[in-house]
Amino acid sequence: MIRTFGLIAVAGLFATAAHAAVTTIEYQPAEGDAVVVAYDDATSTATNKTSGNSGPYTWDEASSTVCSNDADGNEVCVTFESAGTEVGHKTPFTTNDGRSGTATIVSVE
């Protein structure tokens, strides 16, 4: 799980305010351990806070979907039910490989 979410990015995911430089999201899957990822909207880079892996991402605002590659180079896309900008905002998510859970904004800097 950590490896898969290692490079998922979300700077645009929750329609982050333009002034925010880094948004940190906690992914709590329905099964498994939570993963925390920091998204730098200035560099379009996501960093997994557990593993330290980082990489670029794409964001499709129309579908609320963010895509990136996992540590093995496989594309991972996450679709969010709703967008938000505030710390504490929670929304369900699903992935292109059938997983689901809740994503929560834990900080906006």
C-alpha atoms as a PDB file:
ATOM      1  CA  MET A   1       0.000   0.000   0.000  1.00  0.00           C
ATOM      2  CA  ILE A   2       2.722   2.477   0.957  1.00  0.00           C
ATOM      3  CA  ARG A   3       4.586   1.734  -2.285  1.00  0.00           C
ATOM      4  CA  THR A   4       1.490   2.270  -4.402  1.00  0.00           C
ATOM      5  CA  PHE A   5       0.505   5.544  -2.796  1.00  0.00           C
ATOM      6  CA  GLY A   6       4.124   6.633  -2.630  1.00  0.00           C
ATOM      7  CA  LEU A   7       3.901   8.908  -5.624  1.00  0.00           C
ATOM      8  CA  ILE A   8       0.247   9.802  -5.765  1.00  0.00           C
ATOM      9  CA  ALA A   9      -0.156  13.550  -5.815  1.00  0.00           C
ATOM     10  CA  VAL A  10      -2.967  15.822  -4.921  1.00  0.00           C
ATOM     11  CA  ALA A  11      -1.994  19.473  -4.984  1.00  0.00           C
ATOM     12  CA  GLY A  12      -4.967  20.130  -7.219  1.00  0.00           C
ATOM     13  CA  LEU A  13      -6.928  17.229  -5.766  1.00  0.00           C
ATOM     14  CA  PHE A  14      -8.785  19.252  -3.227  1.00  0.00           C
ATOM     15  CA  ALA A  15      -8.737  22.456  -5.263  1.00  0.00           C
ATOM     16  CA  THR A  16      -5.980  23.754  -3.023  1.00  0.00           C
ATOM     17  CA  ALA A  17      -5.911  27.495  -2.588  1.00  0.00           C
ATOM     18  CA  ALA A  18      -3.498  29.310  -4.891  1.00  0.00           C
ATOM     19  CA  HIS A  19      -1.469  30.616  -1.951  1.00  0.00           C
ATOM     20  CA  ALA A  20      -0.787  27.148  -0.568  1.00  0.00           C
ATOM     21  CA  ALA A  21       2.617  25.721  -1.391  1.00  0.00           C
ATOM     22  CA  VAL A  22       2.310  22.297   0.230  1.00  0.00           C
ATOM     23  CA  THR A  23      -0.835  20.310   1.005  1.00  0.00           C
ATOM     24  CA  THR A  24      -0.500  17.139   3.061  1.00  0.00           C
ATOM     25  CA  ILE A  25      -3.121  14.407   2.638  1.00  0.00           C
ATOM     26  CA  GLU A  26      -3.664  11.266   4.677  1.00  0.00           C
ATOM     27  CA  TYR A  27      -5.067   8.309   2.730  1.00  0.00           C
ATOM     28  CA  GLN A  28      -6.858   5.798   4.935  1.00  0.00           C
ATOM     29  CA  PRO A  29      -7.700   2.777   2.793  1.00  0.00           C
ATOM     30  CA  ALA A  30     -10.649   0.534   3.663  1.00  0.00           C
ATOM     31  CA  GLU A  31      -8.041  -2.141   4.382  1.00  0.00           C
ATOM     32  CA  GLY A  32      -4.442  -1.549   5.394  1.00  0.00           C
ATOM     33  CA  ASP A  33      -2.337   1.198   6.873  1.00  0.00           C
ATOM     34  CA  ALA A  34      -2.766   4.923   6.299  1.00  0.00           C
ATOM     35  CA  VAL A  35      -0.328   6.720   3.998  1.00  0.00           C
ATOM     36  CA  VAL A  36       0.565  10.416   4.291  1.00  0.00           C
ATOM     37  CA  VAL A  37       1.631  12.296   1.169  1.00  0.00           C
ATOM     38  CA  ALA A  38       2.778  15.927   0.870  1.00  0.00           C
ATOM     39  CA  TYR A  39       1.954  17.669  -2.421  1.00  0.00           C
ATOM     40  CA  ASP A  40       4.010  20.660  -3.517  1.00  0.00           C
ATOM     41  CA  ASP A  41       1.942  22.687  -5.960  1.00  0.00           C
ATOM     42  CA  ALA A  42       4.917  24.864  -6.907  1.00  0.00           C
ATOM     43  CA  THR A  43       6.878  21.889  -8.275  1.00  0.00           C
ATOM     44  CA  SER A  44       3.996  19.450  -8.992  1.00  0.00           C
ATOM     45  CA  THR A  45       5.801  16.880  -6.857  1.00  0.00           C
ATOM     46  CA  ALA A  46       4.331  14.472  -4.311  1.00  0.00           C
ATOM     47  CA  THR A  47       6.384  13.024  -1.463  1.00  0.00           C
ATOM     48  CA  ASN A  48       5.373   9.983   0.564  1.00  0.00           C
ATOM     49  CA  LYS A  49       6.146  10.985   4.166  1.00  0.00           C
ATOM     50  CA  THR A  50       6.739   7.354   5.194  1.00  0.00           C
ATOM     51  CA  SER A  51       8.989   6.044   2.426  1.00  0.00           C
ATOM     52  CA  GLY A  52      10.462   9.333   1.210  1.00  0.00           C
ATOM     53  CA  ASN A  53       9.628   8.470  -2.427  1.00  0.00           C
ATOM     54  CA  SER A  54       8.657  11.415  -4.602  1.00  0.00           C
ATOM     55  CA  GLY A  55       7.706  12.138  -8.193  1.00  0.00           C
ATOM     56  CA  PRO A  56       5.527  14.186 -10.528  1.00  0.00           C
ATOM     57  CA  TYR A  57       1.763  13.927 -10.923  1.00  0.00           C
ATOM     58  CA  THR A  58      -1.097  15.043 -13.147  1.00  0.00           C
ATOM     59  CA  TRP A  59      -4.465  16.375 -12.009  1.00  0.00           C
ATOM     60  CA  ASP A  60      -7.736  16.296 -13.965  1.00  0.00           C
ATOM     61  CA  GLU A  61     -10.016  18.832 -12.320  1.00  0.00           C
ATOM     62  CA  ALA A  62     -13.083  17.787 -14.334  1.00  0.00           C
ATOM     63  CA  SER A  63     -13.007  14.230 -12.971  1.00  0.00           C
ATOM     64  CA  SER A  64     -11.241  14.971  -9.652  1.00  0.00           C
ATOM     65  CA  THR A  65      -8.592  12.420 -10.582  1.00  0.00           C
ATOM     66  CA  VAL A  66      -4.891  12.549  -9.819  1.00  0.00           C
ATOM     67  CA  CYS A  67      -2.420  10.184 -11.502  1.00  0.00           C
ATOM     68  CA  SER A  68       1.201   9.329 -10.904  1.00  0.00           C
ATOM     69  CA  ASN A  69       3.502   6.319 -11.048  1.00  0.00           C
ATOM     70  CA  ASP A  70       4.187   4.015  -8.141  1.00  0.00           C
ATOM     71  CA  ALA A  71       7.689   2.884  -7.176  1.00  0.00           C
ATOM     72  CA  ASP A  72       7.491   0.136  -9.828  1.00  0.00           C
ATOM     73  CA  GLY A  73       6.567   2.588 -12.601  1.00  0.00           C
ATOM     74  CA  ASN A  74       2.901   1.540 -12.768  1.00  0.00           C
ATOM     75  CA  GLU A  75       0.330   4.292 -13.251  1.00  0.00           C
ATOM     76  CA  VAL A  76      -1.877   4.811 -10.216  1.00  0.00           C
ATOM     77  CA  CYS A  77      -4.923   7.063 -10.467  1.00  0.00           C
ATOM     78  CA  VAL A  78      -7.085   8.170  -7.559  1.00  0.00           C
ATOM     79  CA  THR A  79     -10.559   9.648  -8.059  1.00  0.00           C
ATOM     80  CA  PHE A  80     -12.036  11.736  -5.262  1.00  0.00           C
ATOM     81  CA  GLU A  81     -15.729  12.203  -4.535  1.00  0.00           C
ATOM     82  CA  SER A  82     -15.430  15.876  -3.605  1.00  0.00           C
ATOM     83  CA  ALA A  83     -12.895  18.683  -3.522  1.00  0.00           C
ATOM     84  CA  GLY A  84     -12.113  20.999  -0.621  1.00  0.00           C
ATOM     85  CA  THR A  85      -9.487  23.458   0.553  1.00  0.00           C
ATOM     86  CA  GLU A  86      -9.554  23.360   4.346  1.00  0.00           C
ATOM     87  CA  VAL A  87      -7.614  21.271   6.837  1.00  0.00           C
ATOM     88  CA  GLY A  88      -9.905  18.497   8.015  1.00  0.00           C
ATOM     89  CA  HIS A  89     -11.761  18.115   4.707  1.00  0.00           C
ATOM     90  CA  LYS A  90     -12.538  14.412   4.148  1.00  0.00           C
ATOM     91  CA  THR A  91     -13.708  12.681   1.007  1.00  0.00           C
ATOM     92  CA  PRO A  92     -14.017   9.104  -0.211  1.00  0.00           C
ATOM     93  CA  PHE A  93     -11.569   7.964  -2.890  1.00  0.00           C
ATOM     94  CA  THR A  94     -11.222   5.033  -5.290  1.00  0.00           C
ATOM     95  CA  THR A  95      -8.198   3.905  -7.266  1.00  0.00           C
ATOM     96  CA  ASN A  96      -7.858   2.529 -10.781  1.00  0.00           C
ATOM     97  CA  ASP A  97      -6.919  -0.846  -9.287  1.00  0.00           C
ATOM     98  CA  GLY A  98     -10.077  -1.192  -7.195  1.00  0.00           C
ATOM     99  CA  ARG A  99      -9.075   0.104  -3.770  1.00  0.00           C
ATOM    100  CA  SER A 100     -11.051   2.673  -1.800  1.00  0.00           C
ATOM    101  CA  GLY A 101     -10.976   4.641   1.422  1.00  0.00           C
ATOM    102  CA  THR A 102     -11.018   8.157   2.819  1.00  0.00           C
ATOM    103  CA  ALA A 103      -8.629  11.008   2.045  1.00  0.00           C
ATOM    104  CA  THR A 104      -8.207  13.814   4.592  1.00  0.00           C
ATOM    105  CA  ILE A 105      -6.374  17.154   4.299  1.00  0.00           C
ATOM    106  CA  VAL A 106      -4.113  17.221   7.363  1.00  0.00           C
ATOM    107  CA  SER A 107      -2.187  20.435   6.635  1.00  0.00           C
ATOM    108  CA  VAL A 108      -1.983  23.310   4.184  1.00  0.00           C
ATOM    109  CA  GLU A 109       1.159  25.456   4.260  1.00  0.00           C
END
